[in-house]
């Protein structure tokens, strides 16, 4: 976490920043092949209404336009961090439109099983995202947690994996 925080401010090139983070982490993490880090790194440019992001072995962030109900997976990037020194990460630039919502989440959201052995999954999450397009970010996150917990209720004696989700709503740029 300290390496990510220190390096994240080094430059504006998102791919280069994550490449540098990977190289630094590789010095320690590669010595332990059972340890890895996944990451989605995004930088928002409000002046130009863009989001530049890269994915380092993580589940893809989902970009949903609430106006036309389109959904896009943000998966440009590369492999997990800390295992392959010198790996170069690519980034993608996404134009943001008023009404866009970006959902970032951990596998604890999608890898919950129900009593029938069915996994919550990315498809169900995508459907939940598009169905919840008219609720506030706060309500969306509360509803998502309830939906995932209800889905997995009674399926296992083991506690849930981390349930982490972040929503970014883009409401356009003010001319003030």
C-alpha atoms as a PDB file:
ATOM      1  CA  UNK A   1       0.000   0.000   0.000  1.00  0.00           C
ATOM      2  CA  UNK A   2       2.832   2.379   0.828  1.00  0.00           C
ATOM      3  CA  UNK A   3       4.529   1.684  -2.506  1.00  0.00           C
ATOM      4  CA  UNK A   4       1.291   2.338  -4.382  1.00  0.00           C
ATOM      5  CA  UNK A   5       0.671   5.587  -2.525  1.00  0.00           C
ATOM      6  CA  UNK A   6       4.223   6.833  -3.084  1.00  0.00           C
ATOM      7  CA  UNK A   7       4.444   5.915  -6.765  1.00  0.00           C
ATOM      8  CA  UNK A   8       0.888   6.905  -7.757  1.00  0.00           C
ATOM      9  CA  UNK A   9       1.820  10.574  -7.593  1.00  0.00           C
ATOM     10  CA  UNK A  10       4.946  10.237  -9.746  1.00  0.00           C
ATOM     11  CA  UNK A  11       3.320  10.870 -13.104  1.00  0.00           C
ATOM     12  CA  UNK A  12       0.209  11.198 -15.180  1.00  0.00           C
ATOM     13  CA  UNK A  13       0.833   8.171 -17.423  1.00  0.00           C
ATOM     14  CA  UNK A  14      -1.336   5.559 -15.718  1.00  0.00           C
ATOM     15  CA  UNK A  15       0.273   2.596 -17.482  1.00  0.00           C
ATOM     16  CA  UNK A  16       3.783   3.775 -16.571  1.00  0.00           C
ATOM     17  CA  UNK A  17       2.771   4.339 -12.938  1.00  0.00           C
ATOM     18  CA  UNK A  18       1.422   0.794 -12.609  1.00  0.00           C
ATOM     19  CA  UNK A  19       4.466  -0.600 -14.416  1.00  0.00           C
ATOM     20  CA  UNK A  20       6.683   1.143 -11.831  1.00  0.00           C
ATOM     21  CA  UNK A  21       4.514  -0.132  -8.952  1.00  0.00           C
ATOM     22  CA  UNK A  22       4.855  -3.665 -10.334  1.00  0.00           C
ATOM     23  CA  UNK A  23       8.636  -3.388 -10.578  1.00  0.00           C
ATOM     24  CA  UNK A  24       8.953  -2.162  -6.992  1.00  0.00           C
ATOM     25  CA  UNK A  25       6.602  -4.830  -5.659  1.00  0.00           C
ATOM     26  CA  UNK A  26       8.392  -7.531  -7.647  1.00  0.00           C
ATOM     27  CA  UNK A  27      11.475  -7.029  -5.503  1.00  0.00           C
ATOM     28  CA  UNK A  28       9.600  -8.449  -2.497  1.00  0.00           C
ATOM     29  CA  UNK A  29       6.547 -10.308  -3.747  1.00  0.00           C
ATOM     30  CA  UNK A  30       8.280 -12.449  -6.388  1.00  0.00           C
ATOM     31  CA  UNK A  31      10.120 -14.181  -3.571  1.00  0.00           C
ATOM     32  CA  UNK A  32       6.744 -15.519  -2.418  1.00  0.00           C
ATOM     33  CA  UNK A  33       4.904 -17.069  -5.391  1.00  0.00           C
ATOM     34  CA  UNK A  34       1.794 -17.651  -3.282  1.00  0.00           C
ATOM     35  CA  UNK A  35       1.332 -13.888  -2.827  1.00  0.00           C
ATOM     36  CA  UNK A  36       0.040 -11.535  -5.473  1.00  0.00           C
ATOM     37  CA  UNK A  37      -1.751  -8.222  -5.754  1.00  0.00           C
ATOM     38  CA  UNK A  38      -4.473  -7.216  -8.182  1.00  0.00           C
ATOM     39  CA  UNK A  39      -5.339  -3.610  -8.816  1.00  0.00           C
ATOM     40  CA  UNK A  40      -7.454  -1.277 -10.892  1.00  0.00           C
ATOM     41  CA  UNK A  41      -5.818   2.126 -11.126  1.00  0.00           C
ATOM     42  CA  UNK A  42      -7.836   5.036 -12.503  1.00  0.00           C
ATOM     43  CA  UNK A  43      -7.142   8.711 -12.912  1.00  0.00           C
ATOM     44  CA  UNK A  44     -10.014  11.107 -13.612  1.00  0.00           C
ATOM     45  CA  UNK A  45      -9.539  14.239 -15.709  1.00  0.00           C
ATOM     46  CA  UNK A  46     -12.560  16.397 -14.991  1.00  0.00           C
ATOM     47  CA  UNK A  47     -11.456  19.155 -17.398  1.00  0.00           C
ATOM     48  CA  UNK A  48     -11.450  16.766 -20.365  1.00  0.00           C
ATOM     49  CA  UNK A  49     -14.191  14.458 -19.014  1.00  0.00           C
ATOM     50  CA  UNK A  50     -12.055  11.319 -19.223  1.00  0.00           C
ATOM     51  CA  UNK A  51     -10.994   8.421 -17.064  1.00  0.00           C
ATOM     52  CA  UNK A  52      -7.682   6.731 -17.786  1.00  0.00           C
ATOM     53  CA  UNK A  53      -7.393   3.305 -16.235  1.00  0.00           C
ATOM     54  CA  UNK A  54      -5.413   0.121 -16.227  1.00  0.00           C
ATOM     55  CA  UNK A  55      -6.226  -3.267 -14.801  1.00  0.00           C
ATOM     56  CA  UNK A  56      -3.518  -5.345 -13.146  1.00  0.00           C
ATOM     57  CA  UNK A  57      -5.042  -8.804 -12.871  1.00  0.00           C
ATOM     58  CA  UNK A  58      -8.239  -7.585 -11.213  1.00  0.00           C
ATOM     59  CA  UNK A  59     -11.843  -8.099 -12.192  1.00  0.00           C
ATOM     60  CA  UNK A  60     -12.773  -5.471 -14.780  1.00  0.00           C
ATOM     61  CA  UNK A  61     -14.403  -2.270 -13.611  1.00  0.00           C
ATOM     62  CA  UNK A  62     -17.814  -1.783 -15.173  1.00  0.00           C
ATOM     63  CA  UNK A  63     -18.764   1.438 -16.963  1.00  0.00           C
ATOM     64  CA  UNK A  64     -22.503   1.923 -17.257  1.00  0.00           C
ATOM     65  CA  UNK A  65     -24.153   4.807 -19.055  1.00  0.00           C
ATOM     66  CA  UNK A  66     -27.463   5.329 -17.294  1.00  0.00           C
ATOM     67  CA  UNK A  67     -28.882   7.324 -20.216  1.00  0.00           C
ATOM     68  CA  UNK A  68     -28.595   4.675 -22.934  1.00  0.00           C
ATOM     69  CA  UNK A  69     -28.178   1.691 -20.550  1.00  0.00           C
ATOM     70  CA  UNK A  70     -24.949   0.565 -22.260  1.00  0.00           C
ATOM     71  CA  UNK A  71     -22.365  -1.402 -20.290  1.00  0.00           C
ATOM     72  CA  UNK A  72     -18.629  -1.706 -20.910  1.00  0.00           C
ATOM     73  CA  UNK A  73     -15.965  -3.746 -19.109  1.00  0.00           C
ATOM     74  CA  UNK A  74     -12.734  -1.846 -18.455  1.00  0.00           C
ATOM     75  CA  UNK A  75     -10.140  -4.576 -18.728  1.00  0.00           C
ATOM     76  CA  UNK A  76      -7.121  -3.060 -20.518  1.00  0.00           C
ATOM     77  CA  UNK A  77      -3.939  -3.626 -18.558  1.00  0.00           C
ATOM     78  CA  UNK A  78      -2.152  -6.807 -17.771  1.00  0.00           C
ATOM     79  CA  UNK A  79      -1.307  -9.433 -15.232  1.00  0.00           C
ATOM     80  CA  UNK A  80      -1.192  -9.377 -11.423  1.00  0.00           C
ATOM     81  CA  UNK A  81       1.337  -7.168  -9.658  1.00  0.00           C
ATOM     82  CA  UNK A  82       4.565  -8.379  -8.107  1.00  0.00           C
ATOM     83  CA  UNK A  83       5.215 -11.567 -10.055  1.00  0.00           C
ATOM     84  CA  UNK A  84       6.700 -10.413 -13.367  1.00  0.00           C
ATOM     85  CA  UNK A  85       9.303  -7.678 -13.086  1.00  0.00           C
ATOM     86  CA  UNK A  86       9.508  -5.531 -16.216  1.00  0.00           C
ATOM     87  CA  UNK A  87       5.947  -6.210 -17.352  1.00  0.00           C
ATOM     88  CA  UNK A  88       4.556  -3.139 -19.144  1.00  0.00           C
ATOM     89  CA  UNK A  89       0.957  -2.194 -18.374  1.00  0.00           C
ATOM     90  CA  UNK A  90      -1.275  -0.527 -20.940  1.00  0.00           C
ATOM     91  CA  UNK A  91      -4.026   1.909 -20.073  1.00  0.00           C
ATOM     92  CA  UNK A  92      -7.219   2.961 -21.792  1.00  0.00           C
ATOM     93  CA  UNK A  93      -8.809   6.378 -21.915  1.00  0.00           C
ATOM     94  CA  UNK A  94     -12.567   6.425 -21.531  1.00  0.00           C
ATOM     95  CA  UNK A  95     -14.652   9.444 -22.456  1.00  0.00           C
ATOM     96  CA  UNK A  96     -17.109  10.159 -19.675  1.00  0.00           C
ATOM     97  CA  UNK A  97     -20.628  11.278 -20.435  1.00  0.00           C
ATOM     98  CA  UNK A  98     -23.176  12.703 -18.092  1.00  0.00           C
ATOM     99  CA  UNK A  99     -24.956   9.784 -16.489  1.00  0.00           C
ATOM    100  CA  UNK A 100     -21.976   7.417 -16.503  1.00  0.00           C
ATOM    101  CA  UNK A 101     -21.422   5.225 -13.478  1.00  0.00           C
ATOM    102  CA  UNK A 102     -18.227   3.266 -12.882  1.00  0.00           C
ATOM    103  CA  UNK A 103     -18.348   0.292 -10.529  1.00  0.00           C
ATOM    104  CA  UNK A 104     -15.121  -1.113  -9.102  1.00  0.00           C
ATOM    105  CA  UNK A 105     -15.380  -4.236  -6.959  1.00  0.00           C
ATOM    106  CA  UNK A 106     -13.480  -7.134  -5.459  1.00  0.00           C
ATOM    107  CA  UNK A 107     -14.030 -10.818  -6.140  1.00  0.00           C
ATOM    108  CA  UNK A 108     -15.822 -11.031  -2.804  1.00  0.00           C
ATOM    109  CA  UNK A 109     -18.803  -9.530  -4.618  1.00  0.00           C
ATOM    110  CA  UNK A 110     -18.882 -11.933  -7.564  1.00  0.00           C
ATOM    111  CA  UNK A 111     -17.579 -15.153  -5.975  1.00  0.00           C
ATOM    112  CA  UNK A 112     -20.353 -15.670  -3.438  1.00  0.00           C
ATOM    113  CA  UNK A 113     -22.180 -18.988  -3.796  1.00  0.00           C
ATOM    114  CA  UNK A 114     -25.815 -19.709  -2.984  1.00  0.00           C
ATOM    115  CA  UNK A 115     -27.239 -22.893  -1.454  1.00  0.00           C
ATOM    116  CA  UNK A 116     -27.557 -24.427  -4.956  1.00  0.00           C
ATOM    117  CA  UNK A 117     -23.832 -23.942  -5.588  1.00  0.00           C
ATOM    118  CA  UNK A 118     -24.445 -21.168  -8.102  1.00  0.00           C
ATOM    119  CA  UNK A 119     -21.982 -18.252  -8.072  1.00  0.00           C
ATOM    120  CA  UNK A 120     -23.223 -14.633  -7.989  1.00  0.00           C
ATOM    121  CA  UNK A 121     -20.950 -13.881 -10.942  1.00  0.00           C
ATOM    122  CA  UNK A 122     -20.122 -10.998 -13.217  1.00  0.00           C
ATOM    123  CA  UNK A 123     -23.232 -11.428 -15.364  1.00  0.00           C
ATOM    124  CA  UNK A 124     -25.565 -11.126 -12.359  1.00  0.00           C
ATOM    125  CA  UNK A 125     -23.588  -8.109 -11.132  1.00  0.00           C
ATOM    126  CA  UNK A 126     -23.855  -6.486 -14.575  1.00  0.00           C
ATOM    127  CA  UNK A 127     -27.622  -7.028 -14.584  1.00  0.00           C
ATOM    128  CA  UNK A 128     -27.860  -5.596 -11.061  1.00  0.00           C
ATOM    129  CA  UNK A 129     -25.876  -2.533 -12.177  1.00  0.00           C
ATOM    130  CA  UNK A 130     -28.115  -1.788 -15.144  1.00  0.00           C
ATOM    131  CA  UNK A 131     -31.284  -2.444 -13.138  1.00  0.00           C
ATOM    132  CA  UNK A 132     -30.146  -0.018 -10.418  1.00  0.00           C
ATOM    133  CA  UNK A 133     -29.399   2.868 -12.720  1.00  0.00           C
ATOM    134  CA  UNK A 134     -31.934   5.238 -11.179  1.00  0.00           C
ATOM    135  CA  UNK A 135     -30.794   4.996  -7.567  1.00  0.00           C
ATOM    136  CA  UNK A 136     -28.147   7.108  -5.871  1.00  0.00           C
ATOM    137  CA  UNK A 137     -24.640   5.719  -5.472  1.00  0.00           C
ATOM    138  CA  UNK A 138     -25.198   5.292  -1.731  1.00  0.00           C
ATOM    139  CA  UNK A 139     -28.444   3.383  -2.251  1.00  0.00           C
ATOM    140  CA  UNK A 140     -26.904   1.317  -5.036  1.00  0.00           C
ATOM    141  CA  UNK A 141     -24.071   0.158  -2.759  1.00  0.00           C
ATOM    142  CA  UNK A 142     -26.455  -0.631   0.095  1.00  0.00           C
ATOM    143  CA  UNK A 143     -28.747  -2.552  -2.276  1.00  0.00           C
ATOM    144  CA  UNK A 144     -25.780  -4.420  -3.771  1.00  0.00           C
ATOM    145  CA  UNK A 145     -24.555  -5.529  -0.364  1.00  0.00           C
ATOM    146  CA  UNK A 146     -28.056  -6.716   0.551  1.00  0.00           C
ATOM    147  CA  UNK A 147     -28.429  -8.558  -2.753  1.00  0.00           C
ATOM    148  CA  UNK A 148     -25.082 -10.351  -2.433  1.00  0.00           C
ATOM    149  CA  UNK A 149     -25.667 -11.266   1.217  1.00  0.00           C
ATOM    150  CA  UNK A 150     -29.206 -12.488   0.485  1.00  0.00           C
ATOM    151  CA  UNK A 151     -27.933 -14.505  -2.486  1.00  0.00           C
ATOM    152  CA  UNK A 152     -25.295 -16.264  -0.363  1.00  0.00           C
ATOM    153  CA  UNK A 153     -27.323 -16.590   2.839  1.00  0.00           C
ATOM    154  CA  UNK A 154     -27.068 -20.050   4.363  1.00  0.00           C
ATOM    155  CA  UNK A 155     -24.724 -21.390   1.668  1.00  0.00           C
ATOM    156  CA  UNK A 156     -21.623 -21.801   3.800  1.00  0.00           C
ATOM    157  CA  UNK A 157     -20.342 -21.739   7.348  1.00  0.00           C
ATOM    158  CA  UNK A 158     -17.327 -19.732   6.204  1.00  0.00           C
ATOM    159  CA  UNK A 159     -17.617 -15.956   6.396  1.00  0.00           C
ATOM    160  CA  UNK A 160     -17.935 -13.858   3.260  1.00  0.00           C
ATOM    161  CA  UNK A 161     -14.791 -12.811   1.475  1.00  0.00           C
ATOM    162  CA  UNK A 162     -14.276  -9.084   1.421  1.00  0.00           C
ATOM    163  CA  UNK A 163     -17.287  -7.247  -0.017  1.00  0.00           C
ATOM    164  CA  UNK A 164     -15.709  -4.123  -1.408  1.00  0.00           C
ATOM    165  CA  UNK A 165     -17.273  -1.920  -4.060  1.00  0.00           C
ATOM    166  CA  UNK A 166     -16.777   1.683  -5.123  1.00  0.00           C
ATOM    167  CA  UNK A 167     -19.155   3.663  -7.297  1.00  0.00           C
ATOM    168  CA  UNK A 168     -18.191   6.786  -9.215  1.00  0.00           C
ATOM    169  CA  UNK A 169     -21.066   8.730 -10.766  1.00  0.00           C
ATOM    170  CA  UNK A 170     -20.201  11.278 -13.434  1.00  0.00           C
ATOM    171  CA  UNK A 171     -22.753  14.065 -13.508  1.00  0.00           C
ATOM    172  CA  UNK A 172     -21.015  16.255 -16.068  1.00  0.00           C
ATOM    173  CA  UNK A 173     -18.926  19.357 -15.694  1.00  0.00           C
ATOM    174  CA  UNK A 174     -20.213  22.608 -14.277  1.00  0.00           C
ATOM    175  CA  UNK A 175     -19.492  25.772 -16.239  1.00  0.00           C
ATOM    176  CA  UNK A 176     -19.253  27.811 -13.053  1.00  0.00           C
END
